[in-house]
């Protein structure tokens, strides 16, 4: 089973390298610039993921992997870690509202197109709506 996974990751790595090569050196005309960018991005992601998983499966034994999975499951379900994630998420939400508001003001002072300003403002409203909705949703469940 492990050899089959190694081959799959090796094929994934080669496919990523080929996509990156095609995007960077073959698809160079202006007409296919977007496809070239997609090939570069997708190729780089596949290459890195395939190479990482290849070496991960090659170097980490099965017993070590099971031990790590068990330890990660314990850490994930620990009440202290859950509370920390909730607190960090709340702080990030508060900071992002301020940062996005400053971004909207900066874009308007810079004379950016109104479509761009409206898109960023829409993100703020979506974030505020989700905050209110999820606060009410979880308030009823807890």
C-alpha atoms as a PDB file:
ATOM      1  CA  UNK A   1       0.000   0.000   0.000  1.00  0.00           C
ATOM      2  CA  UNK A   2       2.796   2.397   0.863  1.00  0.00           C
ATOM      3  CA  UNK A   3       4.543   1.854  -2.492  1.00  0.00           C
ATOM      4  CA  UNK A   4       1.327   2.715  -4.323  1.00  0.00           C
ATOM      5  CA  UNK A   5       1.080   5.979  -2.387  1.00  0.00           C
ATOM      6  CA  UNK A   6       4.711   6.786  -3.142  1.00  0.00           C
ATOM      7  CA  UNK A   7       4.086   6.314  -6.868  1.00  0.00           C
ATOM      8  CA  UNK A   8       0.989   8.489  -6.680  1.00  0.00           C
ATOM      9  CA  UNK A   9       2.944  11.296  -5.014  1.00  0.00           C
ATOM     10  CA  UNK A  10       5.798  10.918  -7.501  1.00  0.00           C
ATOM     11  CA  UNK A  11       3.314  11.202 -10.394  1.00  0.00           C
ATOM     12  CA  UNK A  12       1.726  14.226  -8.722  1.00  0.00           C
ATOM     13  CA  UNK A  13       5.164  15.850  -8.416  1.00  0.00           C
ATOM     14  CA  UNK A  14       6.003  15.207 -12.068  1.00  0.00           C
ATOM     15  CA  UNK A  15       2.577  16.488 -13.192  1.00  0.00           C
ATOM     16  CA  UNK A  16       3.139  19.652 -11.191  1.00  0.00           C
ATOM     17  CA  UNK A  17       6.575  20.166 -12.724  1.00  0.00           C
ATOM     18  CA  UNK A  18       5.172  19.640 -16.237  1.00  0.00           C
ATOM     19  CA  UNK A  19       2.306  22.091 -15.615  1.00  0.00           C
ATOM     20  CA  UNK A  20       4.736  24.666 -14.245  1.00  0.00           C
ATOM     21  CA  UNK A  21       7.039  24.214 -17.253  1.00  0.00           C
ATOM     22  CA  UNK A  22       4.149  24.529 -19.701  1.00  0.00           C
ATOM     23  CA  UNK A  23       2.854  27.648 -17.996  1.00  0.00           C
ATOM     24  CA  UNK A  24       6.262  29.303 -17.789  1.00  0.00           C
ATOM     25  CA  UNK A  25       7.946  28.417 -21.073  1.00  0.00           C
ATOM     26  CA  UNK A  26       5.426  27.028 -23.584  1.00  0.00           C
ATOM     27  CA  UNK A  27       2.336  29.192 -23.095  1.00  0.00           C
ATOM     28  CA  UNK A  28       4.061  32.550 -23.496  1.00  0.00           C
ATOM     29  CA  UNK A  29       1.774  34.404 -25.908  1.00  0.00           C
ATOM     30  CA  UNK A  30      -0.404  37.235 -24.672  1.00  0.00           C
ATOM     31  CA  UNK A  31      -3.594  35.406 -25.731  1.00  0.00           C
ATOM     32  CA  UNK A  32      -3.067  32.583 -23.217  1.00  0.00           C
ATOM     33  CA  UNK A  33      -1.612  34.627 -20.375  1.00  0.00           C
ATOM     34  CA  UNK A  34      -4.348  33.611 -17.922  1.00  0.00           C
ATOM     35  CA  UNK A  35      -3.959  29.928 -18.743  1.00  0.00           C
ATOM     36  CA  UNK A  36      -0.202  30.360 -18.332  1.00  0.00           C
ATOM     37  CA  UNK A  37      -0.702  31.833 -14.858  1.00  0.00           C
ATOM     38  CA  UNK A  38      -3.073  29.022 -13.945  1.00  0.00           C
ATOM     39  CA  UNK A  39      -0.517  26.461 -15.108  1.00  0.00           C
ATOM     40  CA  UNK A  40       2.256  28.095 -13.108  1.00  0.00           C
ATOM     41  CA  UNK A  41       0.192  28.351  -9.916  1.00  0.00           C
ATOM     42  CA  UNK A  42      -1.397  24.920 -10.132  1.00  0.00           C
ATOM     43  CA  UNK A  43       1.881  23.325 -11.201  1.00  0.00           C
ATOM     44  CA  UNK A  44       3.806  24.854  -8.312  1.00  0.00           C
ATOM     45  CA  UNK A  45       1.132  23.775  -5.829  1.00  0.00           C
ATOM     46  CA  UNK A  46       0.993  20.201  -7.151  1.00  0.00           C
ATOM     47  CA  UNK A  47       4.776  19.954  -7.249  1.00  0.00           C
ATOM     48  CA  UNK A  48       5.202  21.132  -3.666  1.00  0.00           C
ATOM     49  CA  UNK A  49       2.360  19.009  -2.293  1.00  0.00           C
ATOM     50  CA  UNK A  50       3.462  15.901  -4.169  1.00  0.00           C
ATOM     51  CA  UNK A  51       7.099  16.303  -3.128  1.00  0.00           C
ATOM     52  CA  UNK A  52       6.172  17.005   0.491  1.00  0.00           C
ATOM     53  CA  UNK A  53       3.846  14.020   0.788  1.00  0.00           C
ATOM     54  CA  UNK A  54       6.391  11.804  -1.016  1.00  0.00           C
ATOM     55  CA  UNK A  55       9.107  12.568   1.514  1.00  0.00           C
ATOM     56  CA  UNK A  56       6.628  12.487   4.399  1.00  0.00           C
ATOM     57  CA  UNK A  57       5.541   8.941   3.547  1.00  0.00           C
ATOM     58  CA  UNK A  58       9.104   7.925   2.766  1.00  0.00           C
ATOM     59  CA  UNK A  59      10.663   9.194   5.987  1.00  0.00           C
ATOM     60  CA  UNK A  60       7.917   8.769   8.611  1.00  0.00           C
ATOM     61  CA  UNK A  61       7.248   5.202   9.674  1.00  0.00           C
ATOM     62  CA  UNK A  62       3.712   3.870  10.089  1.00  0.00           C
ATOM     63  CA  UNK A  63       3.945   3.677  13.893  1.00  0.00           C
ATOM     64  CA  UNK A  64       5.259   7.236  14.124  1.00  0.00           C
ATOM     65  CA  UNK A  65       2.434   8.390  11.864  1.00  0.00           C
ATOM     66  CA  UNK A  66      -0.206   6.697  14.021  1.00  0.00           C
ATOM     67  CA  UNK A  67       1.323   8.176  17.179  1.00  0.00           C
ATOM     68  CA  UNK A  68       1.320  11.662  15.644  1.00  0.00           C
ATOM     69  CA  UNK A  69      -2.294  11.299  14.461  1.00  0.00           C
ATOM     70  CA  UNK A  70      -3.389  10.232  17.956  1.00  0.00           C
ATOM     71  CA  UNK A  71      -1.512  13.159  19.562  1.00  0.00           C
ATOM     72  CA  UNK A  72      -2.988  15.633  17.063  1.00  0.00           C
ATOM     73  CA  UNK A  73      -6.510  14.323  17.755  1.00  0.00           C
ATOM     74  CA  UNK A  74      -5.987  14.798  21.501  1.00  0.00           C
ATOM     75  CA  UNK A  75      -4.635  18.331  20.969  1.00  0.00           C
ATOM     76  CA  UNK A  76      -7.484  19.216  18.615  1.00  0.00           C
ATOM     77  CA  UNK A  77     -10.118  18.210  21.157  1.00  0.00           C
ATOM     78  CA  UNK A  78      -8.421  19.821  24.166  1.00  0.00           C
ATOM     79  CA  UNK A  79     -10.708  22.437  25.764  1.00  0.00           C
ATOM     80  CA  UNK A  80      -7.891  24.933  26.256  1.00  0.00           C
ATOM     81  CA  UNK A  81      -6.933  24.811  22.576  1.00  0.00           C
ATOM     82  CA  UNK A  82     -10.566  25.149  21.522  1.00  0.00           C
ATOM     83  CA  UNK A  83     -10.959  28.226  23.712  1.00  0.00           C
ATOM     84  CA  UNK A  84      -7.731  29.715  22.340  1.00  0.00           C
ATOM     85  CA  UNK A  85      -8.936  29.231  18.753  1.00  0.00           C
ATOM     86  CA  UNK A  86     -12.239  30.909  19.573  1.00  0.00           C
ATOM     87  CA  UNK A  87     -10.506  33.854  21.229  1.00  0.00           C
ATOM     88  CA  UNK A  88      -8.009  34.265  18.380  1.00  0.00           C
ATOM     89  CA  UNK A  89     -10.819  34.102  15.818  1.00  0.00           C
ATOM     90  CA  UNK A  90     -12.758  36.826  17.630  1.00  0.00           C
ATOM     91  CA  UNK A  91      -9.707  39.118  17.844  1.00  0.00           C
ATOM     92  CA  UNK A  92      -8.832  38.568  14.180  1.00  0.00           C
ATOM     93  CA  UNK A  93     -12.410  39.428  13.240  1.00  0.00           C
ATOM     94  CA  UNK A  94     -12.251  42.684  15.219  1.00  0.00           C
ATOM     95  CA  UNK A  95      -8.902  43.704  13.747  1.00  0.00           C
ATOM     96  CA  UNK A  96      -9.958  42.876  10.184  1.00  0.00           C
ATOM     97  CA  UNK A  97     -13.044  45.071  10.434  1.00  0.00           C
ATOM     98  CA  UNK A  98     -10.818  48.027  11.300  1.00  0.00           C
ATOM     99  CA  UNK A  99      -8.216  47.205   8.661  1.00  0.00           C
ATOM    100  CA  UNK A 100     -10.798  46.791   5.916  1.00  0.00           C
ATOM    101  CA  UNK A 101     -12.456  50.060   6.934  1.00  0.00           C
ATOM    102  CA  UNK A 102      -9.103  51.845   6.704  1.00  0.00           C
ATOM    103  CA  UNK A 103      -8.546  50.207   3.313  1.00  0.00           C
ATOM    104  CA  UNK A 104     -11.885  51.496   2.014  1.00  0.00           C
ATOM    105  CA  UNK A 105     -11.065  55.018   3.201  1.00  0.00           C
ATOM    106  CA  UNK A 106      -7.568  54.856   1.707  1.00  0.00           C
ATOM    107  CA  UNK A 107      -8.894  53.626  -1.626  1.00  0.00           C
ATOM    108  CA  UNK A 108     -11.467  56.404  -1.731  1.00  0.00           C
ATOM    109  CA  UNK A 109      -8.833  59.062  -0.950  1.00  0.00           C
ATOM    110  CA  UNK A 110      -6.567  57.606  -3.630  1.00  0.00           C
ATOM    111  CA  UNK A 111      -9.332  57.945  -6.197  1.00  0.00           C
ATOM    112  CA  UNK A 112      -9.759  54.252  -6.930  1.00  0.00           C
ATOM    113  CA  UNK A 113     -12.665  53.100  -9.060  1.00  0.00           C
ATOM    114  CA  UNK A 114     -15.937  52.854  -7.207  1.00  0.00           C
ATOM    115  CA  UNK A 115     -16.323  49.185  -8.187  1.00  0.00           C
ATOM    116  CA  UNK A 116     -13.174  48.287  -6.228  1.00  0.00           C
ATOM    117  CA  UNK A 117     -14.288  50.307  -3.223  1.00  0.00           C
ATOM    118  CA  UNK A 118     -17.721  48.649  -3.309  1.00  0.00           C
ATOM    119  CA  UNK A 119     -16.170  45.181  -3.462  1.00  0.00           C
ATOM    120  CA  UNK A 120     -14.061  45.829  -0.376  1.00  0.00           C
ATOM    121  CA  UNK A 121     -17.021  47.435   1.385  1.00  0.00           C
ATOM    122  CA  UNK A 122     -19.098  44.358   0.507  1.00  0.00           C
ATOM    123  CA  UNK A 123     -16.497  42.198   2.254  1.00  0.00           C
ATOM    124  CA  UNK A 124     -16.924  44.316   5.390  1.00  0.00           C
ATOM    125  CA  UNK A 125     -20.696  43.926   5.267  1.00  0.00           C
ATOM    126  CA  UNK A 126     -20.444  40.172   4.692  1.00  0.00           C
ATOM    127  CA  UNK A 127     -18.077  39.901   7.643  1.00  0.00           C
ATOM    128  CA  UNK A 128     -20.395  41.919   9.884  1.00  0.00           C
ATOM    129  CA  UNK A 129     -23.440  39.924   8.747  1.00  0.00           C
ATOM    130  CA  UNK A 130     -21.662  36.626   9.429  1.00  0.00           C
ATOM    131  CA  UNK A 131     -20.576  37.856  12.845  1.00  0.00           C
ATOM    132  CA  UNK A 132     -24.127  38.766  13.831  1.00  0.00           C
ATOM    133  CA  UNK A 133     -25.653  35.632  12.293  1.00  0.00           C
ATOM    134  CA  UNK A 134     -23.151  33.232  13.846  1.00  0.00           C
ATOM    135  CA  UNK A 135     -23.351  34.974  17.233  1.00  0.00           C
ATOM    136  CA  UNK A 136     -27.117  34.448  17.261  1.00  0.00           C
ATOM    137  CA  UNK A 137     -26.850  30.905  15.902  1.00  0.00           C
ATOM    138  CA  UNK A 138     -24.327  29.733  18.475  1.00  0.00           C
ATOM    139  CA  UNK A 139     -26.090  31.710  21.208  1.00  0.00           C
ATOM    140  CA  UNK A 140     -29.215  29.617  20.679  1.00  0.00           C
ATOM    141  CA  UNK A 141     -27.290  26.333  20.540  1.00  0.00           C
ATOM    142  CA  UNK A 142     -25.196  26.857  23.686  1.00  0.00           C
END
